């Protein structure tokens, strides 16, 4: 498919919403470069996110995340899967809206909980929490972040655990924007 979107696309949403999984599929269809912001941070720091949080703290991580996000300005036709907290620090939501198209993947707290409990990937904010603590924590985190997420230019509700269906919905929305 020829590239008809002139700017970068930023996927935002809670941990477990499927930003990386949907992003890979959507980037392939759009012929965009896929960038996982968390993976880029890990590569630059030579540490996992959990190791960064444990050894250097969340403030250090947020600064590294900020620098990695700013570097995406120099990318062309990139689809960037951000970390769950990325939009909520350093006016980054405003920055992403100015430098690209933002898409909020909105998933129900129970779906997020199921994905996180299943251990699909390590998420440092959930380290040390037992399964019964995760849903209330997600609800609290979502409440704190929702005002940032709601600033996205496009929104996709995630009703299913099927990343291909979600990527197809995203493509349909993007085509309406073009």
Protein backbone atom coordinates (compact mmCIF):
# COMPACT_ATOMS: atom_id res chain seq x y z
CA UNK A 1 0.00 0.00 0.00
CA UNK A 2 1.47 3.38 -0.90
CA UNK A 3 2.15 5.71 2.00
CA UNK A 4 -0.60 8.33 2.03
CA UNK A 5 -0.02 9.51 5.59
CA UNK A 6 2.68 12.15 5.66
CA UNK A 7 3.50 11.93 9.33
CA UNK A 8 4.44 9.56 12.07
CA UNK A 9 1.76 7.66 13.96
CA UNK A 10 1.92 7.31 17.74
CA UNK A 11 -0.02 4.52 19.46
CA UNK A 12 -0.87 5.32 23.06
CA UNK A 13 -2.76 3.50 25.79
CA UNK A 14 -2.45 1.54 28.98
CA UNK A 15 0.05 -1.27 29.49
CA UNK A 16 -1.45 -4.38 27.93
CA UNK A 17 -3.61 -2.49 25.39
CA UNK A 18 -1.69 -4.06 22.50
CA UNK A 19 0.28 -1.07 21.24
CA UNK A 20 3.29 -3.15 20.20
CA UNK A 21 1.31 -6.05 18.74
CA UNK A 22 -1.13 -3.83 16.83
CA UNK A 23 1.69 -1.47 15.86
CA UNK A 24 3.73 -4.20 14.18
CA UNK A 25 0.77 -5.35 12.10
CA UNK A 26 -0.36 -1.84 11.18
CA UNK A 27 3.17 -0.67 10.31
CA UNK A 28 3.55 -3.62 7.93
CA UNK A 29 0.30 -2.81 6.13
CA UNK A 30 1.18 0.90 5.90
CA UNK A 31 4.80 0.20 4.93
CA UNK A 32 5.93 2.25 7.93
CA UNK A 33 8.97 1.66 10.08
CA UNK A 34 7.87 0.17 13.41
CA UNK A 35 9.46 1.57 16.56
CA UNK A 36 8.76 0.18 20.00
CA UNK A 37 9.77 3.04 22.29
CA UNK A 38 10.36 0.73 25.27
CA UNK A 39 12.59 -1.57 23.18
CA UNK A 40 14.54 1.44 21.93
CA UNK A 41 15.11 2.59 25.53
CA UNK A 42 16.27 -0.90 26.51
CA UNK A 43 18.67 -0.94 23.57
CA UNK A 44 20.15 2.44 24.40
CA UNK A 45 20.42 1.70 28.13
CA UNK A 46 21.52 -1.93 27.66
CA UNK A 47 19.08 -2.83 30.47
CA UNK A 48 15.51 -4.14 30.60
CA UNK A 49 12.79 -1.75 31.71
CA UNK A 50 12.54 -3.58 35.02
CA UNK A 51 16.30 -3.23 35.53
CA UNK A 52 16.15 0.49 34.71
CA UNK A 53 13.31 1.03 37.19
CA UNK A 54 15.06 -1.05 39.87
CA UNK A 55 18.56 0.40 39.51
CA UNK A 56 17.97 3.97 38.32
CA UNK A 57 14.36 4.73 39.25
CA UNK A 58 11.26 5.86 37.42
CA UNK A 59 12.41 9.50 37.10
CA UNK A 60 15.53 8.37 35.21
CA UNK A 61 13.40 6.12 32.99
CA UNK A 62 10.97 8.95 32.19
CA UNK A 63 13.85 11.20 31.13
CA UNK A 64 15.31 8.45 28.90
CA UNK A 65 11.82 7.87 27.47
CA UNK A 66 11.47 11.59 26.80
CA UNK A 67 14.76 11.72 24.90
CA UNK A 68 13.85 8.64 22.82
CA UNK A 69 10.47 10.14 21.98
CA UNK A 70 12.04 13.42 20.83
CA UNK A 71 14.36 11.44 18.54
CA UNK A 72 11.32 10.14 16.63
CA UNK A 73 10.82 13.62 15.18
CA UNK A 74 13.61 12.76 12.73
CA UNK A 75 11.88 9.57 11.56
CA UNK A 76 9.75 9.56 8.46
CA UNK A 77 6.72 7.32 8.09
CA UNK A 78 7.24 5.62 11.43
CA UNK A 79 4.67 3.97 13.63
CA UNK A 80 5.73 4.36 17.25
CA UNK A 81 4.31 2.19 20.03
CA UNK A 82 4.77 4.30 23.13
CA UNK A 83 4.94 3.18 26.73
CA UNK A 84 1.74 3.45 28.74
CA UNK A 85 2.94 6.50 30.64
CA UNK A 86 4.63 8.27 27.74
CA UNK A 87 1.78 10.74 27.03
CA UNK A 88 1.61 11.83 30.67
CA UNK A 89 5.07 13.34 31.18
CA UNK A 90 6.89 16.43 29.85
CA UNK A 91 3.87 17.58 27.78
CA UNK A 92 4.57 14.63 25.49
CA UNK A 93 0.94 14.18 24.46
CA UNK A 94 0.91 17.71 23.10
CA UNK A 95 4.27 17.07 21.41
CA UNK A 96 3.02 13.85 19.76
CA UNK A 97 -0.11 15.63 18.50
CA UNK A 98 2.07 18.35 16.98
CA UNK A 99 4.51 15.91 15.36
CA UNK A 100 2.22 13.13 14.22
CA UNK A 101 -1.10 11.41 14.44
CA UNK A 102 -2.01 9.90 17.81
CA UNK A 103 -4.22 6.85 18.24
CA UNK A 104 -5.50 5.81 21.67
CA UNK A 105 -6.03 2.06 22.04
CA UNK A 106 -8.69 2.01 24.76
CA UNK A 107 -9.09 -1.35 26.48
CA UNK A 108 -11.33 -2.30 29.37
CA UNK A 109 -9.56 -2.67 32.73
CA UNK A 110 -10.44 -6.37 32.94
CA UNK A 111 -8.91 -7.10 29.52
CA UNK A 112 -5.75 -5.22 30.54
CA UNK A 113 -5.65 -7.18 33.79
CA UNK A 114 -6.05 -10.50 31.99
CA UNK A 115 -3.18 -9.68 29.63
CA UNK A 116 -0.88 -8.50 32.40
CA UNK A 117 -1.66 -11.45 34.68
CA UNK A 118 -1.02 -13.87 31.79
CA UNK A 119 2.54 -12.53 31.77
CA UNK A 120 2.69 -11.69 28.06
CA UNK A 121 5.53 -9.32 28.93
CA UNK A 122 7.23 -7.81 31.94
CA UNK A 123 5.89 -4.44 32.98
CA UNK A 124 7.84 -2.72 35.77
CA UNK A 125 4.87 -0.86 37.26
CA UNK A 126 3.30 -4.22 38.06
CA UNK A 127 6.40 -5.88 39.53
CA UNK A 128 5.66 -7.26 42.99
CA UNK A 129 1.88 -7.08 42.61
CA UNK A 130 -0.19 -10.22 42.95
CA UNK A 131 -3.08 -10.87 40.52
CA UNK A 132 -5.70 -9.57 42.98
CA UNK A 133 -3.92 -6.21 43.22
CA UNK A 134 -3.60 -5.63 39.48
CA UNK A 135 -7.20 -4.71 38.54
CA UNK A 136 -7.54 -2.02 41.25
CA UNK A 137 -4.10 -0.68 40.33
CA UNK A 138 -5.03 -0.55 36.62
CA UNK A 139 -8.24 1.30 37.43
CA UNK A 140 -6.32 3.83 39.53
CA UNK A 141 -3.64 4.26 36.86
CA UNK A 142 -6.24 4.63 34.11
CA UNK A 143 -8.05 7.30 36.08
CA UNK A 144 -4.79 9.24 36.50
CA UNK A 145 -3.83 8.94 32.82
CA UNK A 146 -7.19 9.21 31.09
CA UNK A 147 -6.99 12.99 30.64
CA UNK A 148 -3.79 12.50 28.59
CA UNK A 149 -5.11 9.59 26.56
CA UNK A 150 -8.32 11.45 25.70
CA UNK A 151 -6.26 14.07 23.83
CA UNK A 152 -5.46 11.56 21.07
CA UNK A 153 -6.70 12.49 17.63
CA UNK A 154 -8.18 9.02 17.05
CA UNK A 155 -9.53 6.40 19.45
CA UNK A 156 -10.08 2.68 19.02
CA UNK A 157 -12.00 0.72 21.63
CA UNK A 158 -10.43 -2.70 22.13
CA UNK A 159 -13.34 -5.12 22.56
CA UNK A 160 -11.48 -8.26 21.55
CA UNK A 161 -8.19 -9.99 22.13
CA UNK A 162 -7.46 -10.11 18.39
CA UNK A 163 -4.65 -7.79 17.31
CA UNK A 164 -5.33 -8.27 13.59
CA UNK A 165 -8.93 -7.06 14.00
CA UNK A 166 -7.70 -4.05 15.95
CA UNK A 167 -5.08 -3.25 13.29
CA UNK A 168 -7.81 -3.45 10.63
CA UNK A 169 -9.97 -1.01 12.62
CA UNK A 170 -7.00 1.35 12.92
CA UNK A 171 -6.41 1.19 9.17
CA UNK A 172 -10.06 2.03 8.49
CA UNK A 173 -9.83 5.07 10.80
CA UNK A 174 -6.61 6.20 9.16
CA UNK A 175 -8.16 5.94 5.71
CA UNK A 176 -11.01 8.17 6.88
CA UNK A 177 -8.44 10.74 8.07
CA UNK A 178 -6.48 10.74 4.79
